[in-house]
């Protein structure tokens, strides 16, 4: 199955525009990009999202062992990737709003 790059042009353009908007917004905000608090928030968010990722891997493993569902390798990798990204963004926003 050959994939044509032309079918992904919209995705590539959308990701590029999103990156540029986020990057420009950070430069105009006037906040420092890295300080002790942001490093602490990023560390706690990464730690929590790894725990969520391990739980998702366990659910996939036990679901396959007990034959509750059948997932191919590509599907499980995509589930884990989106789980990691969503949990990292969620925990980073959560810990940013709290006092640490």
C-alpha atoms as a PDB file:
ATOM      1  CA  UNK A   1       0.000   0.000   0.000  1.00  0.00           C
ATOM      2  CA  UNK A   2       1.695   3.158  -1.201  1.00  0.00           C
ATOM      3  CA  UNK A   3       0.852   6.411   0.502  1.00  0.00           C
ATOM      4  CA  UNK A   4       0.923   9.553  -1.559  1.00  0.00           C
ATOM      5  CA  UNK A   5       2.492  12.589   0.122  1.00  0.00           C
ATOM      6  CA  UNK A   6      -0.064  14.858  -1.535  1.00  0.00           C
ATOM      7  CA  UNK A   7      -2.779  13.433   0.704  1.00  0.00           C
ATOM      8  CA  UNK A   8      -0.873  14.676   3.773  1.00  0.00           C
ATOM      9  CA  UNK A   9      -0.257  18.251   2.608  1.00  0.00           C
ATOM     10  CA  UNK A  10      -3.178  19.588   4.656  1.00  0.00           C
ATOM     11  CA  UNK A  11      -1.862  17.934   7.808  1.00  0.00           C
ATOM     12  CA  UNK A  12       1.680  19.200   7.209  1.00  0.00           C
ATOM     13  CA  UNK A  13       0.478  22.748   6.556  1.00  0.00           C
ATOM     14  CA  UNK A  14      -1.821  22.674   9.597  1.00  0.00           C
ATOM     15  CA  UNK A  15       0.922  21.468  11.945  1.00  0.00           C
ATOM     16  CA  UNK A  16       3.342  24.074  10.579  1.00  0.00           C
ATOM     17  CA  UNK A  17       0.855  26.921  11.022  1.00  0.00           C
ATOM     18  CA  UNK A  18      -0.011  25.703  14.532  1.00  0.00           C
ATOM     19  CA  UNK A  19       3.671  25.603  15.481  1.00  0.00           C
ATOM     20  CA  UNK A  20       4.228  29.107  14.172  1.00  0.00           C
ATOM     21  CA  UNK A  21       1.226  30.484  16.071  1.00  0.00           C
ATOM     22  CA  UNK A  22       2.300  28.866  19.341  1.00  0.00           C
ATOM     23  CA  UNK A  23       5.906  29.976  18.897  1.00  0.00           C
ATOM     24  CA  UNK A  24       4.892  33.576  18.148  1.00  0.00           C
ATOM     25  CA  UNK A  25       2.526  33.636  21.137  1.00  0.00           C
ATOM     26  CA  UNK A  26       5.309  32.563  23.474  1.00  0.00           C
ATOM     27  CA  UNK A  27       7.622  35.294  22.261  1.00  0.00           C
ATOM     28  CA  UNK A  28       4.981  38.009  22.777  1.00  0.00           C
ATOM     29  CA  UNK A  29       3.903  36.850  26.235  1.00  0.00           C
ATOM     30  CA  UNK A  30       6.959  38.312  27.953  1.00  0.00           C
ATOM     31  CA  UNK A  31       7.293  35.353  30.306  1.00  0.00           C
ATOM     32  CA  UNK A  32      10.586  33.502  30.488  1.00  0.00           C
ATOM     33  CA  UNK A  33      10.399  30.191  28.693  1.00  0.00           C
ATOM     34  CA  UNK A  34      12.403  28.297  31.326  1.00  0.00           C
ATOM     35  CA  UNK A  35      12.680  28.929  35.029  1.00  0.00           C
ATOM     36  CA  UNK A  36      12.635  26.749  38.132  1.00  0.00           C
ATOM     37  CA  UNK A  37       8.858  26.549  38.306  1.00  0.00           C
ATOM     38  CA  UNK A  38       8.356  25.561  34.649  1.00  0.00           C
ATOM     39  CA  UNK A  39      11.034  22.891  34.981  1.00  0.00           C
ATOM     40  CA  UNK A  40       9.305  21.542  38.086  1.00  0.00           C
ATOM     41  CA  UNK A  41       5.906  21.590  36.352  1.00  0.00           C
ATOM     42  CA  UNK A  42       7.323  19.812  33.291  1.00  0.00           C
ATOM     43  CA  UNK A  43       8.960  17.166  35.506  1.00  0.00           C
ATOM     44  CA  UNK A  44       5.787  16.442  37.450  1.00  0.00           C
ATOM     45  CA  UNK A  45       3.716  16.371  34.252  1.00  0.00           C
ATOM     46  CA  UNK A  46       6.162  13.965  32.589  1.00  0.00           C
ATOM     47  CA  UNK A  47       6.171  11.714  35.644  1.00  0.00           C
ATOM     48  CA  UNK A  48       2.380  11.594  35.793  1.00  0.00           C
ATOM     49  CA  UNK A  49       1.975  11.010  32.062  1.00  0.00           C
ATOM     50  CA  UNK A  50       4.450   8.092  32.179  1.00  0.00           C
ATOM     51  CA  UNK A  51       2.277   6.496  34.862  1.00  0.00           C
ATOM     52  CA  UNK A  52      -0.818   6.969  32.673  1.00  0.00           C
ATOM     53  CA  UNK A  53       1.092   5.526  29.695  1.00  0.00           C
ATOM     54  CA  UNK A  54       2.096   2.451  31.706  1.00  0.00           C
ATOM     55  CA  UNK A  55      -1.524   1.954  32.772  1.00  0.00           C
ATOM     56  CA  UNK A  56      -2.654   2.184  29.135  1.00  0.00           C
ATOM     57  CA  UNK A  57      -0.007  -0.372  28.160  1.00  0.00           C
ATOM     58  CA  UNK A  58      -1.228  -2.692  30.916  1.00  0.00           C
ATOM     59  CA  UNK A  59      -4.834  -2.362  29.731  1.00  0.00           C
ATOM     60  CA  UNK A  60      -3.785  -3.214  26.172  1.00  0.00           C
ATOM     61  CA  UNK A  61      -1.685  -6.161  27.381  1.00  0.00           C
ATOM     62  CA  UNK A  62      -4.367  -7.637  29.624  1.00  0.00           C
ATOM     63  CA  UNK A  63      -7.066  -7.042  27.036  1.00  0.00           C
ATOM     64  CA  UNK A  64      -5.011  -9.019  24.531  1.00  0.00           C
ATOM     65  CA  UNK A  65      -4.142 -11.807  27.000  1.00  0.00           C
ATOM     66  CA  UNK A  66      -7.752 -12.323  28.038  1.00  0.00           C
ATOM     67  CA  UNK A  67      -8.895 -11.908  24.421  1.00  0.00           C
ATOM     68  CA  UNK A  68     -11.257  -9.075  25.282  1.00  0.00           C
ATOM     69  CA  UNK A  69     -10.201  -7.218  22.132  1.00  0.00           C
ATOM     70  CA  UNK A  70      -7.697  -7.681  19.339  1.00  0.00           C
ATOM     71  CA  UNK A  71      -5.453  -4.725  18.481  1.00  0.00           C
ATOM     72  CA  UNK A  72      -2.770  -4.686  15.832  1.00  0.00           C
ATOM     73  CA  UNK A  73       0.668  -3.216  16.524  1.00  0.00           C
ATOM     74  CA  UNK A  74       0.059   0.022  14.614  1.00  0.00           C
ATOM     75  CA  UNK A  75      -3.204   0.586  16.425  1.00  0.00           C
ATOM     76  CA  UNK A  76      -1.658   0.049  19.843  1.00  0.00           C
ATOM     77  CA  UNK A  77       1.236   2.405  19.066  1.00  0.00           C
ATOM     78  CA  UNK A  78      -1.166   5.113  17.909  1.00  0.00           C
ATOM     79  CA  UNK A  79      -3.311   4.658  21.035  1.00  0.00           C
ATOM     80  CA  UNK A  80      -0.219   4.950  23.234  1.00  0.00           C
ATOM     81  CA  UNK A  81       1.062   7.994  21.331  1.00  0.00           C
ATOM     82  CA  UNK A  82      -2.191   9.907  21.683  1.00  0.00           C
ATOM     83  CA  UNK A  83      -2.511   8.819  25.320  1.00  0.00           C
ATOM     84  CA  UNK A  84       0.960  10.195  26.003  1.00  0.00           C
ATOM     85  CA  UNK A  85       0.340  13.507  24.248  1.00  0.00           C
ATOM     86  CA  UNK A  86      -3.087  14.116  25.769  1.00  0.00           C
ATOM     87  CA  UNK A  87      -1.978  13.193  29.282  1.00  0.00           C
ATOM     88  CA  UNK A  88       1.174  15.317  29.038  1.00  0.00           C
ATOM     89  CA  UNK A  89      -0.771  18.385  27.887  1.00  0.00           C
ATOM     90  CA  UNK A  90      -3.460  17.814  30.510  1.00  0.00           C
ATOM     91  CA  UNK A  91      -1.040  17.353  33.401  1.00  0.00           C
ATOM     92  CA  UNK A  92       1.081  20.295  32.313  1.00  0.00           C
ATOM     93  CA  UNK A  93      -1.969  22.583  32.306  1.00  0.00           C
ATOM     94  CA  UNK A  94      -3.138  21.154  35.620  1.00  0.00           C
ATOM     95  CA  UNK A  95       0.193  21.634  37.373  1.00  0.00           C
ATOM     96  CA  UNK A  96       0.676  25.072  35.822  1.00  0.00           C
ATOM     97  CA  UNK A  97      -2.535  26.287  37.393  1.00  0.00           C
ATOM     98  CA  UNK A  98      -1.585  25.004  40.852  1.00  0.00           C
ATOM     99  CA  UNK A  99       1.005  26.228  43.319  1.00  0.00           C
ATOM    100  CA  UNK A 100       3.870  23.780  43.458  1.00  0.00           C
END
